[in-house]
Amino acid sequence: QLSCLLKMVTLHGIPKDLDNYPKDLLLFLSPSDYAGTGSCRQFFSNVGKANEDVLPREAPQRQQLLLEALECLKVPGTQITGEEAETLGWLVCELGREHIRNSGGILLKPLSHCGSLLPEQGEAIRDILSRGNTTFG
């Protein structure tokens, strides 16, 4: 339904008031399509607030959105800041082991909102907690 709605909404180009549409609609739009109406940071901030369950966990679009978000935010290497994690929203649930480990305790609270974690993500979280220098011990 959302992809059909997107086709109808974008029939004559990307509307300038795209932010007024359901955020879930953005999951089917590319950041370059959104560029005319706002910044890529704003795009991914809105995507991070969308219903992540619209895309199944194994959907390739989830990883593609994460890669594009990291590029947009100009994340150097594999360390995420608190501000970047806030912009990513639920996309932090797609981060791999290295991003989680290198970002330290900053990602623990956002990751706690993920419905499920992959084994490698759980391992990275345990590594962070075992260091003992987080607010969680």
Protein backbone atom coordinates (compact mmCIF):
# COMPACT_ATOMS: atom_id res chain seq x y z
CA GLN A 1 0.00 0.00 0.00
CA LEU A 2 2.81 2.40 0.86
CA SER A 3 4.67 1.83 -2.39
CA CYS A 4 1.40 2.40 -4.26
CA LEU A 5 0.80 5.61 -2.28
CA LEU A 6 4.34 6.74 -3.08
CA LYS A 7 3.67 6.26 -6.80
CA MET A 8 0.54 8.40 -6.53
CA VAL A 9 2.24 11.10 -4.44
CA THR A 10 5.27 11.33 -6.74
CA LEU A 11 3.38 11.02 -10.03
CA HIS A 12 4.21 14.64 -10.92
CA GLY A 13 7.53 14.83 -9.08
CA ILE A 14 8.47 14.94 -5.42
CA PRO A 15 6.06 17.22 -3.54
CA LYS A 16 7.62 20.09 -1.55
CA ASP A 17 5.50 19.17 1.48
CA LEU A 18 6.77 15.59 1.65
CA ASP A 19 7.41 15.94 5.40
CA ASN A 20 3.63 16.16 5.88
CA TYR A 21 3.13 12.62 4.54
CA PRO A 22 3.50 9.47 6.70
CA LYS A 23 7.14 8.86 7.58
CA ASP A 24 6.73 5.20 6.57
CA LEU A 25 6.41 6.42 2.98
CA LEU A 26 10.06 7.54 3.08
CA LEU A 27 11.21 3.93 3.45
CA PHE A 28 10.43 3.49 -0.24
CA LEU A 29 12.01 6.74 -1.40
CA SER A 30 15.68 7.30 -2.04
CA PRO A 31 17.50 10.14 -0.28
CA SER A 32 18.41 11.65 -3.66
CA ASP A 33 14.68 11.90 -4.46
CA TYR A 34 14.17 13.74 -1.19
CA ALA A 35 17.05 16.18 -1.79
CA GLY A 36 14.81 18.78 -3.43
CA THR A 37 12.62 19.08 -0.33
CA GLY A 38 15.20 18.92 2.45
CA SER A 39 18.57 17.70 3.59
CA CYS A 40 19.64 14.08 3.69
CA ARG A 41 20.05 14.47 7.47
CA GLN A 42 16.38 15.46 7.72
CA PHE A 43 15.45 12.56 5.46
CA PHE A 44 17.20 10.01 7.68
CA SER A 45 15.89 11.62 10.84
CA ASN A 46 12.38 11.05 9.45
CA VAL A 47 13.24 7.52 8.30
CA GLY A 48 14.52 6.78 11.81
CA LYS A 49 11.08 7.69 13.16
CA ALA A 50 9.20 5.54 10.64
CA ASN A 51 7.77 2.15 11.55
CA GLU A 52 10.72 -0.20 11.07
CA ASP A 53 8.39 -3.21 10.85
CA VAL A 54 7.24 -2.02 7.42
CA LEU A 55 10.48 -3.52 6.07
CA PRO A 56 11.23 -7.10 7.20
CA ARG A 57 14.47 -7.55 9.16
CA GLU A 58 16.16 -9.30 6.24
CA ALA A 59 15.02 -6.77 3.61
CA PRO A 60 18.00 -5.43 1.63
CA GLN A 61 16.48 -1.92 1.78
CA ARG A 62 17.26 -1.77 5.52
CA GLN A 63 21.00 -2.23 4.96
CA GLN A 64 20.90 0.12 1.97
CA LEU A 65 19.20 2.81 4.08
CA LEU A 66 21.86 2.37 6.78
CA LEU A 67 24.73 2.66 4.28
CA GLU A 68 23.21 5.78 2.74
CA ALA A 69 22.58 7.27 6.19
CA LEU A 70 26.18 6.71 7.29
CA GLU A 71 27.36 8.33 4.06
CA CYS A 72 24.98 11.27 4.49
CA LEU A 73 26.07 11.82 8.10
CA LYS A 74 29.71 11.55 7.00
CA VAL A 75 30.47 8.98 9.67
CA PRO A 76 34.22 8.41 9.53
CA GLY A 77 35.09 4.81 10.20
CA THR A 78 32.97 2.83 12.61
CA GLN A 79 32.33 5.18 15.54
CA ILE A 80 28.86 6.67 15.98
CA THR A 81 28.23 9.78 18.10
CA GLY A 82 25.15 10.32 20.24
CA GLU A 83 23.81 12.91 17.79
CA GLU A 84 24.28 10.52 14.87
CA ALA A 85 22.55 7.72 16.80
CA GLU A 86 19.61 10.04 17.47
CA THR A 87 19.36 10.90 13.77
CA LEU A 88 19.54 7.21 12.80
CA GLY A 89 16.66 6.25 15.09
CA TRP A 90 15.75 2.59 14.52
CA LEU A 91 18.51 2.29 11.91
CA VAL A 92 20.95 1.76 14.84
CA CYS A 93 19.39 -1.71 15.02
CA GLU A 94 21.06 -2.42 11.67
CA LEU A 95 24.59 -1.49 12.82
CA GLY A 96 27.15 -4.26 12.80
CA ARG A 97 29.51 -5.48 15.49
CA GLU A 98 32.31 -2.99 14.76
CA HIS A 99 30.08 0.06 14.88
CA ILE A 100 28.62 -1.11 18.19
CA ARG A 101 31.99 -1.93 19.75
CA ASN A 102 33.71 1.24 18.60
CA SER A 103 30.87 3.50 19.69
CA GLY A 104 30.95 2.18 23.24
CA GLY A 105 28.15 2.88 25.66
CA ILE A 106 26.58 5.57 23.46
CA LEU A 107 24.58 2.96 21.54
CA LEU A 108 23.42 0.85 24.47
CA LYS A 109 20.21 2.78 25.15
CA PRO A 110 19.18 3.09 21.45
CA LEU A 111 19.95 -0.61 20.92
CA SER A 112 17.73 -1.52 23.87
CA HIS A 113 14.73 -0.44 21.76
CA CYS A 114 15.51 -2.93 18.97
CA GLY A 115 13.01 -5.75 18.70
CA SER A 116 15.75 -8.32 18.21
CA LEU A 117 19.50 -8.36 17.81
CA LEU A 118 21.75 -10.53 15.72
CA PRO A 119 24.21 -12.75 17.63
CA GLU A 120 27.16 -10.56 16.56
CA GLN A 121 25.36 -7.47 17.90
CA GLY A 122 24.70 -9.19 21.23
CA GLU A 123 28.36 -10.19 21.44
CA ALA A 124 29.46 -6.58 20.83
CA ILE A 125 27.09 -5.32 23.54
CA ARG A 126 28.46 -7.88 26.02
CA ASP A 127 31.99 -6.71 25.18
CA ILE A 128 31.04 -3.11 25.96
CA LEU A 129 29.33 -4.07 29.21
CA SER A 130 32.27 -6.22 30.30
CA ARG A 131 34.55 -3.17 30.11
CA GLY A 132 32.55 -1.75 33.02
CA ASN A 133 32.80 1.91 32.01
CA THR A 134 29.15 2.47 31.07
CA THR A 135 26.22 3.78 33.07
CA PHE A 136 24.98 0.18 33.11
CA GLY A 137 28.08 -1.11 34.91
